[in-house]
Amino acid sequence: MIVLVMGVSGAGKTTVGARLARELGWELVDADDFHPAANIEKMRAGKPLDDRDRAPWIAALAARIRQLLDEGRGAVIACSALKAAYRAQLLVDPARMRLVHLTGDPALIAARLSARKDHFMPPGLLSTQLAALEPPEDAIRADVGGTPEEIVAAVRRALGV
């Protein structure tokens, strides 16, 4: 199985995803690692990405997901996946994939973004991510107000793992 943990920047995708992957003995794939350098520089400059910027990023990540599925490996993918069109490309085998949407109070998420060090995503872009977000209807929803341990426990219960 592959679990795609999605949400806006600062929601805790990498933190929750890493803990979930560790507990399950699976690989963590951080979608940020698949961004071309131009995307990272654009975000560092405080400019939001558009669909053209995201296209090669989504394609590269979808290829990695296909590879993991072909190899029969379990993994947790930490990816914003804000739009339904992106998720349609990433959920390459819905029978073997589950979607987890990390949601929460925008003020809490903004505070977390402001506290982060050494990350290319500036807090000022949160509003653009919230505006672009198309919440999925078919996802496990997990509120990010709790501790990472509480969030992962709730996700594991919902996944049945």
N, C-alpha and C. Protein backbone atom coordinates (compact mmCIF):
# COMPACT_ATOMS: atom_id res chain seq x y z
N MET A 1 0.85 -1.18 0.00
CA MET A 1 0.00 0.00 0.00
C MET A 1 0.89 1.24 0.00
N ILE A 2 0.40 2.26 -0.63
CA ILE A 2 1.04 3.57 -0.57
C ILE A 2 0.03 4.55 0.01
N VAL A 3 0.49 5.32 0.99
CA VAL A 3 -0.34 6.33 1.63
C VAL A 3 0.18 7.69 1.20
N LEU A 4 -0.68 8.48 0.60
CA LEU A 4 -0.35 9.83 0.19
C LEU A 4 -0.87 10.79 1.25
N VAL A 5 0.05 11.42 1.98
CA VAL A 5 -0.30 12.38 3.02
C VAL A 5 -0.21 13.76 2.40
N MET A 6 -1.36 14.45 2.32
CA MET A 6 -1.45 15.72 1.61
C MET A 6 -1.91 16.85 2.53
N GLY A 7 -1.70 18.07 2.06
CA GLY A 7 -2.16 19.25 2.77
C GLY A 7 -1.27 20.43 2.41
N VAL A 8 -1.64 21.58 2.91
CA VAL A 8 -0.87 22.79 2.63
C VAL A 8 0.47 22.74 3.34
N SER A 9 1.38 23.59 2.91
CA SER A 9 2.68 23.68 3.54
C SER A 9 2.50 24.06 5.00
N GLY A 10 3.23 23.39 5.87
CA GLY A 10 3.14 23.65 7.30
C GLY A 10 2.12 22.79 8.03
N ALA A 11 1.35 21.98 7.29
CA ALA A 11 0.35 21.12 7.94
C ALA A 11 0.98 19.94 8.66
N GLY A 12 2.23 19.61 8.33
CA GLY A 12 2.90 18.52 9.01
C GLY A 12 3.05 17.26 8.17
N LYS A 13 2.99 17.40 6.86
CA LYS A 13 3.06 16.23 5.98
C LYS A 13 4.33 15.42 6.21
N THR A 14 5.47 16.10 6.26
CA THR A 14 6.73 15.38 6.43
C THR A 14 6.86 14.81 7.83
N THR A 15 6.49 15.58 8.83
CA THR A 15 6.58 15.10 10.21
C THR A 15 5.67 13.90 10.43
N VAL A 16 4.42 14.02 10.05
CA VAL A 16 3.46 12.92 10.22
C VAL A 16 3.83 11.76 9.30
N GLY A 17 4.18 12.08 8.06
CA GLY A 17 4.55 11.04 7.11
C GLY A 17 5.75 10.24 7.55
N ALA A 18 6.78 10.92 8.08
CA ALA A 18 7.99 10.22 8.53
C ALA A 18 7.68 9.30 9.70
N ARG A 19 6.87 9.78 10.62
CA ARG A 19 6.53 8.95 11.78
C ARG A 19 5.69 7.75 11.36
N LEU A 20 4.72 7.98 10.47
CA LEU A 20 3.88 6.89 9.97
C LEU A 20 4.73 5.86 9.23
N ALA A 21 5.61 6.33 8.35
CA ALA A 21 6.48 5.42 7.60
C ALA A 21 7.37 4.61 8.55
N ARG A 22 7.94 5.27 9.53
CA ARG A 22 8.81 4.58 10.50
C ARG A 22 8.03 3.51 11.25
N GLU A 23 6.83 3.85 11.72
CA GLU A 23 6.04 2.87 12.47
C GLU A 23 5.64 1.67 11.62
N LEU A 24 5.43 1.90 10.33
CA LEU A 24 5.00 0.82 9.44
C LEU A 24 6.18 0.10 8.79
N GLY A 25 7.38 0.64 8.95
CA GLY A 25 8.56 0.05 8.32
C GLY A 25 8.59 0.28 6.82
N TRP A 26 8.01 1.40 6.40
CA TRP A 26 7.94 1.74 4.98
C TRP A 26 8.87 2.90 4.68
N GLU A 27 9.06 3.13 3.40
CA GLU A 27 9.86 4.26 2.93
C GLU A 27 9.03 5.54 2.98
N LEU A 28 9.69 6.64 3.30
CA LEU A 28 9.06 7.96 3.19
C LEU A 28 9.60 8.61 1.92
N VAL A 29 8.69 9.11 1.11
CA VAL A 29 9.06 9.86 -0.09
C VAL A 29 8.54 11.28 0.11
N ASP A 30 9.46 12.24 0.17
CA ASP A 30 9.08 13.64 0.34
C ASP A 30 9.01 14.28 -1.04
N ALA A 31 7.83 14.71 -1.42
CA ALA A 31 7.63 15.29 -2.74
C ALA A 31 8.50 16.52 -2.97
N ASP A 32 8.89 17.22 -1.92
CA ASP A 32 9.75 18.39 -2.08
C ASP A 32 11.05 18.02 -2.78
N ASP A 33 11.51 16.78 -2.60
CA ASP A 33 12.76 16.32 -3.22
C ASP A 33 12.64 16.20 -4.73
N PHE A 34 11.43 16.25 -5.27
CA PHE A 34 11.21 16.08 -6.70
C PHE A 34 11.04 17.41 -7.44
N HIS A 35 11.04 18.52 -6.71
CA HIS A 35 10.90 19.83 -7.34
C HIS A 35 12.16 20.17 -8.14
N PRO A 36 12.00 20.66 -9.36
CA PRO A 36 13.16 21.19 -10.08
C PRO A 36 13.69 22.42 -9.34
N ALA A 37 14.96 22.71 -9.54
CA ALA A 37 15.59 23.85 -8.86
C ALA A 37 14.84 25.15 -9.14
N ALA A 38 14.32 25.31 -10.35
CA ALA A 38 13.60 26.54 -10.69
C ALA A 38 12.37 26.73 -9.81
N ASN A 39 11.68 25.65 -9.48
CA ASN A 39 10.51 25.74 -8.61
C ASN A 39 10.91 26.21 -7.21
N ILE A 40 11.98 25.63 -6.70
CA ILE A 40 12.43 25.99 -5.35
C ILE A 40 12.83 27.46 -5.30
N GLU A 41 13.55 27.91 -6.31
CA GLU A 41 13.95 29.32 -6.34
C GLU A 41 12.75 30.24 -6.45
N LYS A 42 11.76 29.84 -7.22
CA LYS A 42 10.55 30.66 -7.36
C LYS A 42 9.84 30.79 -6.01
N MET A 43 9.71 29.67 -5.29
CA MET A 43 9.05 29.72 -3.99
C MET A 43 9.87 30.52 -2.98
N ARG A 44 11.19 30.32 -3.00
CA ARG A 44 12.06 31.10 -2.10
C ARG A 44 11.87 32.60 -2.32
N ALA A 45 11.60 32.97 -3.56
CA ALA A 45 11.40 34.38 -3.91
C ALA A 45 9.99 34.86 -3.54
N GLY A 46 9.18 33.96 -2.96
CA GLY A 46 7.84 34.35 -2.53
C GLY A 46 6.80 34.31 -3.63
N LYS A 47 7.12 33.62 -4.73
CA LYS A 47 6.19 33.53 -5.86
C LYS A 47 5.53 32.16 -5.87
N PRO A 48 4.21 32.12 -5.97
CA PRO A 48 3.54 30.82 -6.00
C PRO A 48 3.78 30.09 -7.32
N LEU A 49 3.78 28.78 -7.25
CA LEU A 49 3.91 27.97 -8.46
C LEU A 49 2.59 27.93 -9.20
N ASP A 50 2.66 27.78 -10.51
CA ASP A 50 1.45 27.59 -11.30
C ASP A 50 1.44 26.16 -11.84
N ASP A 51 0.40 25.82 -12.58
CA ASP A 51 0.26 24.44 -13.07
C ASP A 51 1.43 24.04 -13.97
N ARG A 52 1.94 24.96 -14.77
CA ARG A 52 3.10 24.64 -15.63
C ARG A 52 4.32 24.33 -14.79
N ASP A 53 4.52 25.06 -13.69
CA ASP A 53 5.66 24.79 -12.80
C ASP A 53 5.51 23.40 -12.16
N ARG A 54 4.29 23.06 -11.81
CA ARG A 54 4.06 21.82 -11.08
C ARG A 54 4.06 20.58 -11.98
N ALA A 55 3.84 20.74 -13.28
CA ALA A 55 3.70 19.58 -14.18
C ALA A 55 4.89 18.62 -14.12
N PRO A 56 6.14 19.07 -14.27
CA PRO A 56 7.25 18.10 -14.23
C PRO A 56 7.44 17.50 -12.83
N TRP A 57 7.11 18.26 -11.82
CA TRP A 57 7.21 17.79 -10.45
C TRP A 57 6.22 16.65 -10.21
N ILE A 58 4.98 16.85 -10.61
CA ILE A 58 3.95 15.82 -10.44
C ILE A 58 4.30 14.58 -11.27
N ALA A 59 4.78 14.79 -12.50
CA ALA A 59 5.14 13.65 -13.36
C ALA A 59 6.26 12.82 -12.75
N ALA A 60 7.28 13.48 -12.21
CA ALA A 60 8.40 12.75 -11.60
C ALA A 60 7.94 11.98 -10.36
N LEU A 61 7.09 12.59 -9.57
CA LEU A 61 6.58 11.93 -8.37
C LEU A 61 5.68 10.75 -8.74
N ALA A 62 4.84 10.91 -9.75
CA ALA A 62 3.97 9.81 -10.20
C ALA A 62 4.81 8.64 -10.70
N ALA A 63 5.91 8.93 -11.38
CA ALA A 63 6.81 7.86 -11.85
C ALA A 63 7.39 7.10 -10.66
N ARG A 64 7.76 7.81 -9.61
CA ARG A 64 8.31 7.14 -8.41
C ARG A 64 7.23 6.29 -7.74
N ILE A 65 6.01 6.77 -7.70
CA ILE A 65 4.91 6.00 -7.11
C ILE A 65 4.68 4.72 -7.92
N ARG A 66 4.68 4.83 -9.26
CA ARG A 66 4.52 3.64 -10.10
C ARG A 66 5.62 2.63 -9.82
N GLN A 67 6.85 3.13 -9.69
CA GLN A 67 7.99 2.25 -9.40
C GLN A 67 7.79 1.51 -8.08
N LEU A 68 7.38 2.23 -7.05
CA LEU A 68 7.15 1.60 -5.74
C LEU A 68 6.05 0.54 -5.84
N LEU A 69 4.98 0.86 -6.54
CA LEU A 69 3.88 -0.10 -6.69
C LEU A 69 4.34 -1.32 -7.48
N ASP A 70 5.11 -1.10 -8.56
CA ASP A 70 5.63 -2.22 -9.36
C ASP A 70 6.52 -3.14 -8.54
N GLU A 71 7.24 -2.55 -7.60
CA GLU A 71 8.14 -3.32 -6.73
C GLU A 71 7.40 -3.92 -5.54
N GLY A 72 6.12 -3.57 -5.37
CA GLY A 72 5.34 -4.10 -4.26
C GLY A 72 5.77 -3.57 -2.91
N ARG A 73 6.28 -2.37 -2.89
CA ARG A 73 6.78 -1.79 -1.64
C ARG A 73 5.78 -0.82 -1.04
N GLY A 74 5.67 -0.86 0.28
CA GLY A 74 4.85 0.10 1.00
C GLY A 74 5.61 1.41 1.15
N ALA A 75 4.90 2.51 1.06
CA ALA A 75 5.55 3.82 1.20
C ALA A 75 4.53 4.84 1.66
N VAL A 76 5.06 5.90 2.24
CA VAL A 76 4.27 7.07 2.60
C VAL A 76 4.83 8.22 1.76
N ILE A 77 3.95 8.88 1.03
CA ILE A 77 4.32 10.01 0.19
C ILE A 77 3.82 11.28 0.87
N ALA A 78 4.72 12.22 1.15
CA ALA A 78 4.35 13.51 1.72
C ALA A 78 4.32 14.52 0.58
N CYS A 79 3.12 14.98 0.23
CA CYS A 79 2.97 15.86 -0.94
C CYS A 79 1.77 16.77 -0.74
N SER A 80 1.89 18.02 -1.15
CA SER A 80 0.78 18.95 -0.99
C SER A 80 -0.46 18.48 -1.74
N ALA A 81 -0.31 18.05 -3.01
CA ALA A 81 -1.43 17.51 -3.80
C ALA A 81 -2.69 18.35 -3.64
N LEU A 82 -2.55 19.64 -3.80
CA LEU A 82 -3.63 20.57 -3.49
C LEU A 82 -4.85 20.46 -4.40
N LYS A 83 -4.63 20.13 -5.66
CA LYS A 83 -5.74 20.12 -6.62
C LYS A 83 -6.13 18.70 -7.00
N ALA A 84 -7.41 18.54 -7.32
CA ALA A 84 -7.91 17.23 -7.73
C ALA A 84 -7.15 16.71 -8.95
N ALA A 85 -6.80 17.57 -9.86
CA ALA A 85 -6.07 17.14 -11.06
C ALA A 85 -4.70 16.56 -10.70
N TYR A 86 -4.04 17.13 -9.70
CA TYR A 86 -2.74 16.60 -9.27
C TYR A 86 -2.93 15.22 -8.64
N ARG A 87 -3.95 15.11 -7.79
CA ARG A 87 -4.20 13.83 -7.12
C ARG A 87 -4.57 12.76 -8.14
N ALA A 88 -5.29 13.13 -9.19
CA ALA A 88 -5.66 12.17 -10.23
C ALA A 88 -4.41 11.59 -10.88
N GLN A 89 -3.38 12.41 -11.04
CA GLN A 89 -2.12 11.93 -11.63
C GLN A 89 -1.32 11.09 -10.64
N LEU A 90 -1.40 11.45 -9.36
CA LEU A 90 -0.59 10.76 -8.35
C LEU A 90 -1.21 9.45 -7.88
N LEU A 91 -2.51 9.37 -7.84
CA LEU A 91 -3.18 8.15 -7.37
C LEU A 91 -3.26 7.17 -8.55
N VAL A 92 -2.09 6.65 -8.92
CA VAL A 92 -1.97 5.83 -10.13
C VAL A 92 -2.64 4.47 -10.01
N ASP A 93 -2.85 4.00 -8.79
CA ASP A 93 -3.53 2.73 -8.56
C ASP A 93 -4.37 2.86 -7.29
N PRO A 94 -5.59 3.43 -7.43
CA PRO A 94 -6.40 3.69 -6.24
C PRO A 94 -6.68 2.45 -5.38
N ALA A 95 -6.63 1.28 -5.96
CA ALA A 95 -6.87 0.06 -5.18
C ALA A 95 -5.74 -0.21 -4.19
N ARG A 96 -4.55 0.34 -4.47
CA ARG A 96 -3.40 0.10 -3.59
C ARG A 96 -2.89 1.38 -2.95
N MET A 97 -3.69 2.42 -3.00
CA MET A 97 -3.28 3.70 -2.43
C MET A 97 -4.39 4.27 -1.56
N ARG A 98 -3.98 5.01 -0.53
CA ARG A 98 -4.93 5.71 0.33
C ARG A 98 -4.49 7.15 0.46
N LEU A 99 -5.45 8.03 0.63
CA LEU A 99 -5.20 9.46 0.71
C LEU A 99 -5.53 9.94 2.13
N VAL A 100 -4.59 10.67 2.73
CA VAL A 100 -4.78 11.26 4.05
C VAL A 100 -4.62 12.77 3.89
N HIS A 101 -5.65 13.52 4.28
CA HIS A 101 -5.62 14.98 4.17
C HIS A 101 -5.42 15.58 5.56
N LEU A 102 -4.28 16.23 5.76
CA LEU A 102 -4.01 16.92 7.02
C LEU A 102 -4.64 18.30 6.95
N THR A 103 -5.54 18.56 7.87
CA THR A 103 -6.27 19.82 7.89
C THR A 103 -6.13 20.47 9.26
N GLY A 104 -6.45 21.74 9.32
CA GLY A 104 -6.39 22.40 10.62
C GLY A 104 -6.58 23.89 10.52
N ASP A 105 -6.52 24.53 11.65
CA ASP A 105 -6.69 25.97 11.77
C ASP A 105 -5.57 26.68 11.01
N PRO A 106 -5.93 27.53 10.03
CA PRO A 106 -4.90 28.24 9.27
C PRO A 106 -3.94 29.05 10.15
N ALA A 107 -4.41 29.58 11.27
CA ALA A 107 -3.53 30.35 12.16
C ALA A 107 -2.46 29.44 12.77
N LEU A 108 -2.84 28.22 13.15
CA LEU A 108 -1.88 27.26 13.69
C LEU A 108 -0.85 26.90 12.62
N ILE A 109 -1.32 26.64 11.42
CA ILE A 109 -0.42 26.26 10.33
C ILE A 109 0.53 27.42 10.01
N ALA A 110 0.02 28.63 10.00
CA ALA A 110 0.86 29.81 9.74
C ALA A 110 1.93 29.96 10.82
N ALA A 111 1.56 29.71 12.07
CA ALA A 111 2.54 29.79 13.16
C ALA A 111 3.63 28.75 12.99
N ARG A 112 3.25 27.56 12.56
CA ARG A 112 4.24 26.50 12.32
C ARG A 112 5.18 26.89 11.18
N LEU A 113 4.61 27.46 10.13
CA LEU A 113 5.44 27.90 9.00
C LEU A 113 6.43 28.97 9.45
N SER A 114 5.97 29.90 10.26
CA SER A 114 6.84 30.98 10.73
C SER A 114 7.97 30.47 11.61
N ALA A 115 7.73 29.36 12.30
CA ALA A 115 8.75 28.81 13.20
C ALA A 115 9.78 27.93 12.48
N ARG A 116 9.49 27.55 11.24
CA ARG A 116 10.41 26.66 10.51
C ARG A 116 11.67 27.40 10.09
N LYS A 117 12.76 26.67 10.13
CA LYS A 117 14.05 27.20 9.69
C LYS A 117 14.52 26.37 8.50
N ASP A 118 15.25 26.99 7.63
CA ASP A 118 15.89 26.29 6.51
C ASP A 118 14.91 25.58 5.59
N HIS A 119 13.78 26.18 5.32
CA HIS A 119 12.83 25.62 4.35
C HIS A 119 12.56 26.68 3.30
N PHE A 120 12.41 26.24 2.05
CA PHE A 120 12.24 27.18 0.95
C PHE A 120 10.87 27.84 0.88
N MET A 121 9.87 27.28 1.57
CA MET A 121 8.51 27.80 1.47
C MET A 121 8.29 28.91 2.49
N PRO A 122 8.15 30.16 2.04
CA PRO A 122 7.92 31.24 3.00
C PRO A 122 6.48 31.25 3.50
N PRO A 123 6.27 31.69 4.74
CA PRO A 123 4.92 31.72 5.31
C PRO A 123 3.93 32.53 4.48
N GLY A 124 4.42 33.52 3.75
CA GLY A 124 3.55 34.37 2.95
C GLY A 124 2.81 33.63 1.84
N LEU A 125 3.29 32.46 1.46
CA LEU A 125 2.62 31.71 0.40
C LEU A 125 1.49 30.81 0.91
N LEU A 126 1.30 30.75 2.22
CA LEU A 126 0.23 29.91 2.76
C LEU A 126 -1.13 30.31 2.19
N SER A 127 -1.38 31.60 2.09
CA SER A 127 -2.69 32.04 1.58
C SER A 127 -2.92 31.57 0.16
N THR A 128 -1.87 31.50 -0.66
CA THR A 128 -2.05 31.02 -2.03
C THR A 128 -2.33 29.52 -2.05
N GLN A 129 -1.72 28.80 -1.12
CA GLN A 129 -1.99 27.36 -1.04
C GLN A 129 -3.41 27.10 -0.56
N LEU A 130 -3.84 27.85 0.44
CA LEU A 130 -5.22 27.68 0.92
C LEU A 130 -6.23 28.02 -0.18
N ALA A 131 -5.92 29.03 -0.98
CA ALA A 131 -6.81 29.41 -2.08
C ALA A 131 -6.84 28.34 -3.16
N ALA A 132 -5.71 27.68 -3.40
CA ALA A 132 -5.62 26.66 -4.45
C ALA A 132 -6.18 25.31 -4.00
N LEU A 133 -6.26 25.10 -2.69
CA LEU A 133 -6.68 23.79 -2.16
C LEU A 133 -8.08 23.41 -2.61
N GLU A 134 -8.17 22.23 -3.19
CA GLU A 134 -9.46 21.61 -3.53
C GLU A 134 -9.58 20.39 -2.62
N PRO A 135 -10.23 20.54 -1.47
CA PRO A 135 -10.27 19.45 -0.50
C PRO A 135 -10.87 18.17 -1.11
N PRO A 136 -10.20 17.06 -0.91
CA PRO A 136 -10.74 15.80 -1.44
C PRO A 136 -11.91 15.31 -0.60
N GLU A 137 -12.84 14.67 -1.26
CA GLU A 137 -13.99 14.11 -0.54
C GLU A 137 -13.73 12.67 -0.11
N ASP A 138 -12.76 12.03 -0.74
CA ASP A 138 -12.53 10.60 -0.52
C ASP A 138 -11.29 10.32 0.32
N ALA A 139 -10.90 11.26 1.16
CA ALA A 139 -9.68 11.11 1.96
C ALA A 139 -10.00 10.89 3.43
N ILE A 140 -9.05 10.29 4.10
CA ILE A 140 -9.06 10.27 5.56
C ILE A 140 -8.65 11.67 5.99
N ARG A 141 -9.47 12.31 6.80
CA ARG A 141 -9.14 13.66 7.28
C ARG A 141 -8.53 13.55 8.68
N ALA A 142 -7.41 14.25 8.87
CA ALA A 142 -6.75 14.25 10.17
C ALA A 142 -6.46 15.69 10.56
N ASP A 143 -6.99 16.09 11.72
CA ASP A 143 -6.76 17.44 12.21
C ASP A 143 -5.36 17.54 12.78
N VAL A 144 -4.65 18.61 12.42
CA VAL A 144 -3.26 18.76 12.83
C VAL A 144 -3.10 19.46 14.17
N GLY A 145 -4.18 19.65 14.89
CA GLY A 145 -4.12 20.32 16.19
C GLY A 145 -3.47 19.49 17.28
N GLY A 146 -3.39 18.19 17.09
CA GLY A 146 -2.78 17.32 18.10
C GLY A 146 -1.29 17.17 17.90
N THR A 147 -0.71 16.31 18.71
CA THR A 147 0.72 16.01 18.56
C THR A 147 0.91 15.08 17.36
N PRO A 148 2.13 15.02 16.83
CA PRO A 148 2.37 14.07 15.74
C PRO A 148 2.00 12.63 16.12
N GLU A 149 2.25 12.26 17.35
CA GLU A 149 1.91 10.91 17.81
C GLU A 149 0.40 10.67 17.75
N GLU A 150 -0.37 11.66 18.20
CA GLU A 150 -1.84 11.54 18.17
C GLU A 150 -2.36 11.49 16.73
N ILE A 151 -1.78 12.31 15.88
CA ILE A 151 -2.23 12.34 14.48
C ILE A 151 -1.93 11.00 13.81
N VAL A 152 -0.73 10.48 14.00
CA VAL A 152 -0.36 9.21 13.38
C VAL A 152 -1.23 8.09 13.93
N ALA A 153 -1.51 8.08 15.22
CA ALA A 153 -2.38 7.05 15.79
C ALA A 153 -3.77 7.10 15.15
N ALA A 154 -4.30 8.31 14.96
CA ALA A 154 -5.62 8.44 14.34
C ALA A 154 -5.59 7.98 12.89
N VAL A 155 -4.53 8.31 12.18
CA VAL A 155 -4.40 7.88 10.78
C VAL A 155 -4.28 6.37 10.71
N ARG A 156 -3.48 5.78 11.58
CA ARG A 156 -3.33 4.32 11.57
C ARG A 156 -4.67 3.63 11.85
N ARG A 157 -5.43 4.17 12.79
CA ARG A 157 -6.76 3.60 13.07
C ARG A 157 -7.64 3.66 11.82
N ALA A 158 -7.64 4.81 11.17
CA ALA A 158 -8.47 4.98 9.98
C ALA A 158 -8.03 4.08 8.83
N LEU A 159 -6.72 3.86 8.74
CA LEU A 159 -6.19 2.98 7.68
C LEU A 159 -6.35 1.51 8.01
N GLY A 160 -6.50 1.22 9.31
CA GLY A 160 -6.57 -0.18 9.73
C GLY A 160 -5.21 -0.85 9.72
N VAL A 161 -4.14 -0.07 9.97
CA VAL A 161 -2.78 -0.64 10.00
C VAL A 161 -2.09 -0.31 11.31
